[in-house]
Amino acid sequence: MVDDGSQELVYEFSIAEFDFVEICSDCPQDYNIYRNGELVGYAQTCYGYFFTVCTKDEIRVYENGDIDGYDALSMDERDAELTKAVNCLREHLEDLLEVAYLKALKECGRLPIDD
């Protein structure tokens, strides 16, 4: 669920360095997630299941199939679930950066590692 860039981004709220933008008025808790203006993930709630995906590699970084709401997080769950999601997304992005750094070092011949 990635927006096509045809509309100006209006940030709904932020958690730490991540900005959330609602992407569908019919699905009030489906969000694109930005960091420093770059799309890095999306979060979606559907049929009692909440998940967050990193858009850099389409890996699901967080999921919870036991939420109270059918297509939205309850007020009690919202802050806790979104905070867990951004923590997992941040960790995944850091891992991707570390892998890219090590790969670049290997390509330069500065780090002899096996694939």
N, C-alpha and C. Protein backbone atom coordinates (compact mmCIF):
# COMPACT_ATOMS: atom_id res chain seq x y z
N MET A 1 0.84 -1.17 0.00
CA MET A 1 0.00 0.00 0.00
C MET A 1 0.88 1.24 0.00
N VAL A 2 1.37 1.60 -1.12
CA VAL A 2 2.25 2.74 -1.24
C VAL A 2 1.55 3.79 -2.07
N ASP A 3 1.62 5.05 -1.63
CA ASP A 3 0.95 6.09 -2.39
C ASP A 3 1.76 6.39 -3.65
N ASP A 4 1.06 6.86 -4.68
CA ASP A 4 1.71 7.08 -5.98
C ASP A 4 2.35 8.45 -6.11
N GLY A 5 2.34 9.24 -5.07
CA GLY A 5 2.98 10.55 -5.08
C GLY A 5 2.14 11.64 -5.72
N SER A 6 0.89 11.33 -6.07
CA SER A 6 0.06 12.32 -6.74
C SER A 6 -0.53 13.35 -5.79
N GLN A 7 -0.48 13.08 -4.50
CA GLN A 7 -1.02 14.01 -3.52
C GLN A 7 0.09 14.51 -2.61
N GLU A 8 -0.07 15.73 -2.14
CA GLU A 8 0.88 16.27 -1.17
C GLU A 8 0.75 15.48 0.14
N LEU A 9 1.88 15.15 0.73
CA LEU A 9 1.87 14.37 1.97
C LEU A 9 1.43 15.23 3.14
N VAL A 10 0.50 14.71 3.90
CA VAL A 10 0.06 15.38 5.12
C VAL A 10 0.31 14.39 6.26
N TYR A 11 1.30 14.71 7.07
CA TYR A 11 1.64 13.82 8.17
C TYR A 11 0.56 13.87 9.23
N GLU A 12 0.11 12.69 9.61
CA GLU A 12 -0.94 12.59 10.62
C GLU A 12 -0.35 12.71 12.03
N PHE A 13 0.77 12.00 12.26
CA PHE A 13 1.42 12.02 13.57
C PHE A 13 2.80 11.41 13.41
N SER A 14 3.60 11.54 14.44
CA SER A 14 4.96 11.00 14.44
C SER A 14 5.20 10.17 15.69
N ILE A 15 6.04 9.15 15.52
CA ILE A 15 6.57 8.39 16.65
C ILE A 15 8.07 8.35 16.44
N ALA A 16 8.79 8.94 17.38
CA ALA A 16 10.26 9.07 17.25
C ALA A 16 10.54 9.77 15.92
N GLU A 17 11.44 9.21 15.11
CA GLU A 17 11.82 9.86 13.84
C GLU A 17 10.93 9.45 12.67
N PHE A 18 9.86 8.71 12.93
CA PHE A 18 8.98 8.20 11.87
C PHE A 18 7.70 9.02 11.80
N ASP A 19 7.31 9.38 10.58
CA ASP A 19 6.08 10.12 10.34
C ASP A 19 5.07 9.20 9.68
N PHE A 20 3.85 9.23 10.15
CA PHE A 20 2.78 8.37 9.63
C PHE A 20 1.81 9.20 8.81
N VAL A 21 1.44 8.68 7.63
CA VAL A 21 0.48 9.32 6.75
C VAL A 21 -0.62 8.32 6.45
N GLU A 22 -1.84 8.70 6.76
CA GLU A 22 -2.98 7.83 6.45
C GLU A 22 -3.10 7.73 4.93
N ILE A 23 -3.25 6.50 4.42
CA ILE A 23 -3.26 6.33 2.97
C ILE A 23 -4.63 6.02 2.39
N CYS A 24 -5.61 5.83 3.25
CA CYS A 24 -6.94 5.50 2.75
C CYS A 24 -7.98 5.98 3.74
N SER A 25 -8.90 6.82 3.28
CA SER A 25 -9.93 7.32 4.19
C SER A 25 -10.91 6.22 4.59
N ASP A 26 -11.05 5.18 3.77
CA ASP A 26 -11.92 4.06 4.12
C ASP A 26 -11.27 3.11 5.12
N CYS A 27 -9.95 3.13 5.20
CA CYS A 27 -9.20 2.28 6.13
C CYS A 27 -8.42 3.20 7.05
N PRO A 28 -9.03 3.63 8.15
CA PRO A 28 -8.45 4.72 8.93
C PRO A 28 -7.13 4.43 9.62
N GLN A 29 -6.68 3.19 9.66
CA GLN A 29 -5.40 2.93 10.28
C GLN A 29 -4.45 2.19 9.34
N ASP A 30 -4.48 2.56 8.08
CA ASP A 30 -3.49 2.11 7.11
C ASP A 30 -2.58 3.30 6.85
N TYR A 31 -1.29 3.12 7.11
CA TYR A 31 -0.36 4.25 7.05
C TYR A 31 0.85 3.94 6.19
N ASN A 32 1.30 4.93 5.45
CA ASN A 32 2.66 4.92 4.93
C ASN A 32 3.53 5.51 6.03
N ILE A 33 4.75 4.99 6.15
CA ILE A 33 5.66 5.43 7.21
C ILE A 33 6.89 6.04 6.55
N TYR A 34 7.21 7.27 6.93
CA TYR A 34 8.33 8.01 6.36
C TYR A 34 9.37 8.30 7.43
N ARG A 35 10.62 8.34 7.01
CA ARG A 35 11.70 8.80 7.88
C ARG A 35 12.52 9.78 7.06
N ASN A 36 12.65 10.99 7.56
CA ASN A 36 13.36 12.06 6.85
C ASN A 36 12.79 12.26 5.45
N GLY A 37 11.47 12.16 5.31
CA GLY A 37 10.81 12.38 4.03
C GLY A 37 10.86 11.21 3.07
N GLU A 38 11.52 10.13 3.44
CA GLU A 38 11.64 8.96 2.56
C GLU A 38 10.69 7.86 3.04
N LEU A 39 9.94 7.30 2.10
CA LEU A 39 9.04 6.20 2.42
C LEU A 39 9.87 4.98 2.80
N VAL A 40 9.67 4.47 4.01
CA VAL A 40 10.46 3.32 4.49
C VAL A 40 9.59 2.14 4.89
N GLY A 41 8.27 2.34 4.98
CA GLY A 41 7.41 1.24 5.37
C GLY A 41 5.95 1.59 5.29
N TYR A 42 5.13 0.60 5.56
CA TYR A 42 3.71 0.84 5.71
C TYR A 42 3.15 -0.09 6.78
N ALA A 43 2.09 0.37 7.41
CA ALA A 43 1.43 -0.39 8.47
C ALA A 43 -0.03 -0.54 8.07
N GLN A 44 -0.58 -1.73 8.35
CA GLN A 44 -1.95 -2.00 7.95
C GLN A 44 -2.63 -2.88 8.98
N THR A 45 -3.90 -2.60 9.21
CA THR A 45 -4.73 -3.42 10.08
C THR A 45 -5.85 -3.99 9.23
N CYS A 46 -6.02 -5.31 9.28
CA CYS A 46 -7.04 -5.94 8.45
C CYS A 46 -7.50 -7.24 9.11
N TYR A 47 -8.80 -7.39 9.28
CA TYR A 47 -9.39 -8.62 9.83
C TYR A 47 -8.76 -9.04 11.16
N GLY A 48 -8.52 -8.07 12.03
CA GLY A 48 -7.97 -8.37 13.34
C GLY A 48 -6.49 -8.67 13.35
N TYR A 49 -5.80 -8.28 12.29
CA TYR A 49 -4.38 -8.58 12.13
C TYR A 49 -3.65 -7.28 11.79
N PHE A 50 -2.61 -6.96 12.55
CA PHE A 50 -1.83 -5.75 12.33
C PHE A 50 -0.43 -6.13 11.89
N PHE A 51 0.08 -5.49 10.84
CA PHE A 51 1.44 -5.77 10.40
C PHE A 51 2.10 -4.52 9.83
N THR A 52 3.43 -4.57 9.82
CA THR A 52 4.24 -3.48 9.28
C THR A 52 5.28 -4.07 8.35
N VAL A 53 5.44 -3.44 7.18
CA VAL A 53 6.35 -3.92 6.14
C VAL A 53 7.37 -2.84 5.82
N CYS A 54 8.62 -3.24 5.64
CA CYS A 54 9.67 -2.33 5.18
C CYS A 54 9.56 -2.25 3.66
N THR A 55 9.44 -1.07 3.11
CA THR A 55 9.28 -0.92 1.66
C THR A 55 10.60 -1.07 0.90
N LYS A 56 11.71 -1.09 1.59
CA LYS A 56 13.00 -1.25 0.91
C LYS A 56 13.21 -2.66 0.39
N ASP A 57 12.63 -3.65 1.09
CA ASP A 57 12.80 -5.04 0.65
C ASP A 57 11.51 -5.86 0.79
N GLU A 58 10.41 -5.19 1.15
CA GLU A 58 9.09 -5.83 1.30
C GLU A 58 9.09 -6.96 2.34
N ILE A 59 9.92 -6.81 3.37
CA ILE A 59 9.95 -7.76 4.47
C ILE A 59 8.98 -7.30 5.56
N ARG A 60 8.17 -8.23 6.04
CA ARG A 60 7.26 -7.94 7.15
C ARG A 60 8.11 -7.92 8.42
N VAL A 61 8.21 -6.74 9.04
CA VAL A 61 9.09 -6.58 10.18
C VAL A 61 8.37 -6.70 11.52
N TYR A 62 7.05 -6.58 11.50
CA TYR A 62 6.27 -6.71 12.73
C TYR A 62 4.88 -7.20 12.37
N GLU A 63 4.33 -8.05 13.24
CA GLU A 63 2.96 -8.50 13.04
C GLU A 63 2.36 -8.93 14.37
N ASN A 64 1.05 -8.74 14.47
CA ASN A 64 0.31 -9.17 15.64
C ASN A 64 -1.08 -9.59 15.15
N GLY A 65 -1.38 -10.86 15.29
CA GLY A 65 -2.66 -11.38 14.86
C GLY A 65 -3.69 -11.45 15.96
N ASP A 66 -3.42 -10.78 17.06
CA ASP A 66 -4.32 -10.85 18.21
C ASP A 66 -4.69 -9.45 18.70
N ILE A 67 -5.21 -8.63 17.79
CA ILE A 67 -5.62 -7.29 18.20
C ILE A 67 -7.12 -7.27 18.47
N ASP A 68 -7.55 -6.30 19.25
CA ASP A 68 -8.96 -6.22 19.65
C ASP A 68 -9.86 -5.80 18.51
N GLY A 69 -9.42 -4.83 17.71
CA GLY A 69 -10.26 -4.29 16.65
C GLY A 69 -10.26 -5.15 15.41
N TYR A 70 -11.34 -5.09 14.64
CA TYR A 70 -11.44 -5.87 13.41
C TYR A 70 -10.59 -5.26 12.29
N ASP A 71 -10.77 -3.97 12.06
CA ASP A 71 -9.98 -3.31 11.02
C ASP A 71 -9.31 -2.04 11.53
N ALA A 72 -9.17 -1.94 12.83
CA ALA A 72 -8.48 -0.80 13.44
C ALA A 72 -7.97 -1.21 14.81
N LEU A 73 -6.86 -0.63 15.21
CA LEU A 73 -6.33 -0.87 16.55
C LEU A 73 -7.22 -0.14 17.55
N SER A 74 -7.46 -0.76 18.69
CA SER A 74 -8.22 -0.09 19.73
C SER A 74 -7.37 1.05 20.29
N MET A 75 -8.00 1.95 20.97
CA MET A 75 -7.27 3.07 21.56
C MET A 75 -6.22 2.58 22.53
N ASP A 76 -6.51 1.50 23.25
CA ASP A 76 -5.55 0.94 24.19
C ASP A 76 -4.34 0.34 23.48
N GLU A 77 -4.57 -0.20 22.30
CA GLU A 77 -3.50 -0.87 21.55
C GLU A 77 -2.67 0.05 20.67
N ARG A 78 -3.27 1.13 20.21
CA ARG A 78 -2.68 1.95 19.16
C ARG A 78 -1.24 2.37 19.45
N ASP A 79 -1.02 3.07 20.53
CA ASP A 79 0.33 3.57 20.84
C ASP A 79 1.33 2.45 21.03
N ALA A 80 0.93 1.41 21.77
CA ALA A 80 1.85 0.30 22.03
C ALA A 80 2.21 -0.44 20.74
N GLU A 81 1.22 -0.74 19.91
CA GLU A 81 1.48 -1.49 18.68
C GLU A 81 2.30 -0.67 17.68
N LEU A 82 1.98 0.59 17.52
CA LEU A 82 2.73 1.42 16.58
C LEU A 82 4.16 1.65 17.07
N THR A 83 4.35 1.75 18.37
CA THR A 83 5.70 1.89 18.91
C THR A 83 6.51 0.61 18.68
N LYS A 84 5.90 -0.54 18.91
CA LYS A 84 6.59 -1.81 18.62
C LYS A 84 6.93 -1.89 17.14
N ALA A 85 6.01 -1.47 16.30
CA ALA A 85 6.22 -1.54 14.85
C ALA A 85 7.39 -0.66 14.42
N VAL A 86 7.48 0.58 14.92
CA VAL A 86 8.58 1.45 14.50
C VAL A 86 9.91 0.97 15.08
N ASN A 87 9.90 0.39 16.26
CA ASN A 87 11.14 -0.17 16.81
C ASN A 87 11.65 -1.31 15.93
N CYS A 88 10.75 -2.18 15.49
CA CYS A 88 11.15 -3.28 14.60
C CYS A 88 11.59 -2.75 13.24
N LEU A 89 10.90 -1.74 12.73
CA LEU A 89 11.28 -1.14 11.45
C LEU A 89 12.65 -0.47 11.54
N ARG A 90 12.89 0.26 12.62
CA ARG A 90 14.19 0.90 12.81
C ARG A 90 15.31 -0.13 12.86
N GLU A 91 15.10 -1.20 13.61
CA GLU A 91 16.11 -2.25 13.72
C GLU A 91 16.38 -2.90 12.35
N HIS A 92 15.32 -3.14 11.61
CA HIS A 92 15.48 -3.75 10.28
C HIS A 92 16.24 -2.82 9.34
N LEU A 93 15.91 -1.54 9.36
CA LEU A 93 16.62 -0.57 8.51
C LEU A 93 18.09 -0.48 8.88
N GLU A 94 18.40 -0.54 10.17
CA GLU A 94 19.80 -0.53 10.61
C GLU A 94 20.52 -1.79 10.13
N ASP A 95 19.85 -2.93 10.17
CA ASP A 95 20.44 -4.18 9.66
C ASP A 95 20.72 -4.07 8.17
N LEU A 96 19.77 -3.51 7.41
CA LEU A 96 19.98 -3.34 5.97
C LEU A 96 21.17 -2.44 5.69
N LEU A 97 21.31 -1.38 6.46
CA LEU A 97 22.43 -0.47 6.29
C LEU A 97 23.75 -1.16 6.60
N GLU A 98 23.79 -1.95 7.66
CA GLU A 98 25.00 -2.67 8.04
C GLU A 98 25.39 -3.68 6.96
N VAL A 99 24.43 -4.40 6.42
CA VAL A 99 24.70 -5.37 5.36
C VAL A 99 25.24 -4.65 4.12
N ALA A 100 24.65 -3.53 3.76
CA ALA A 100 25.13 -2.76 2.59
C ALA A 100 26.55 -2.26 2.82
N TYR A 101 26.85 -1.81 4.03
CA TYR A 101 28.18 -1.32 4.37
C TYR A 101 29.22 -2.44 4.25
N LEU A 102 28.90 -3.60 4.83
CA LEU A 102 29.84 -4.73 4.77
C LEU A 102 30.03 -5.22 3.34
N LYS A 103 28.97 -5.20 2.56
CA LYS A 103 29.07 -5.62 1.16
C LYS A 103 29.97 -4.65 0.39
N ALA A 104 29.83 -3.35 0.66
CA ALA A 104 30.67 -2.36 0.00
C ALA A 104 32.13 -2.53 0.38
N LEU A 105 32.39 -2.82 1.65
CA LEU A 105 33.77 -3.06 2.08
C LEU A 105 34.36 -4.28 1.39
N LYS A 106 33.57 -5.33 1.26
CA LYS A 106 34.04 -6.53 0.59
C LYS A 106 34.35 -6.24 -0.88
N GLU A 107 33.47 -5.51 -1.54
CA GLU A 107 33.67 -5.18 -2.96
C GLU A 107 34.92 -4.35 -3.17
N CYS A 108 35.28 -3.54 -2.19
CA CYS A 108 36.49 -2.73 -2.27
C CYS A 108 37.73 -3.51 -1.88
N GLY A 109 37.54 -4.76 -1.45
CA GLY A 109 38.65 -5.57 -1.03
C GLY A 109 39.16 -5.25 0.36
N ARG A 110 38.37 -4.55 1.13
CA ARG A 110 38.80 -4.16 2.47
C ARG A 110 38.27 -5.07 3.56
N LEU A 111 37.40 -6.02 3.20
CA LEU A 111 36.85 -6.91 4.19
C LEU A 111 36.64 -8.27 3.56
N PRO A 112 37.47 -9.24 3.88
CA PRO A 112 37.30 -10.57 3.28
C PRO A 112 36.22 -11.37 4.01
N ILE A 113 35.01 -11.34 3.46
CA ILE A 113 33.91 -12.13 4.04
C ILE A 113 33.34 -13.02 2.96
N ASP A 114 32.75 -14.11 3.40
CA ASP A 114 32.11 -15.03 2.49
C ASP A 114 30.66 -14.60 2.29
N ASP A 115 30.09 -14.94 1.15
CA ASP A 115 28.68 -14.63 0.87
C ASP A 115 27.77 -15.52 1.67
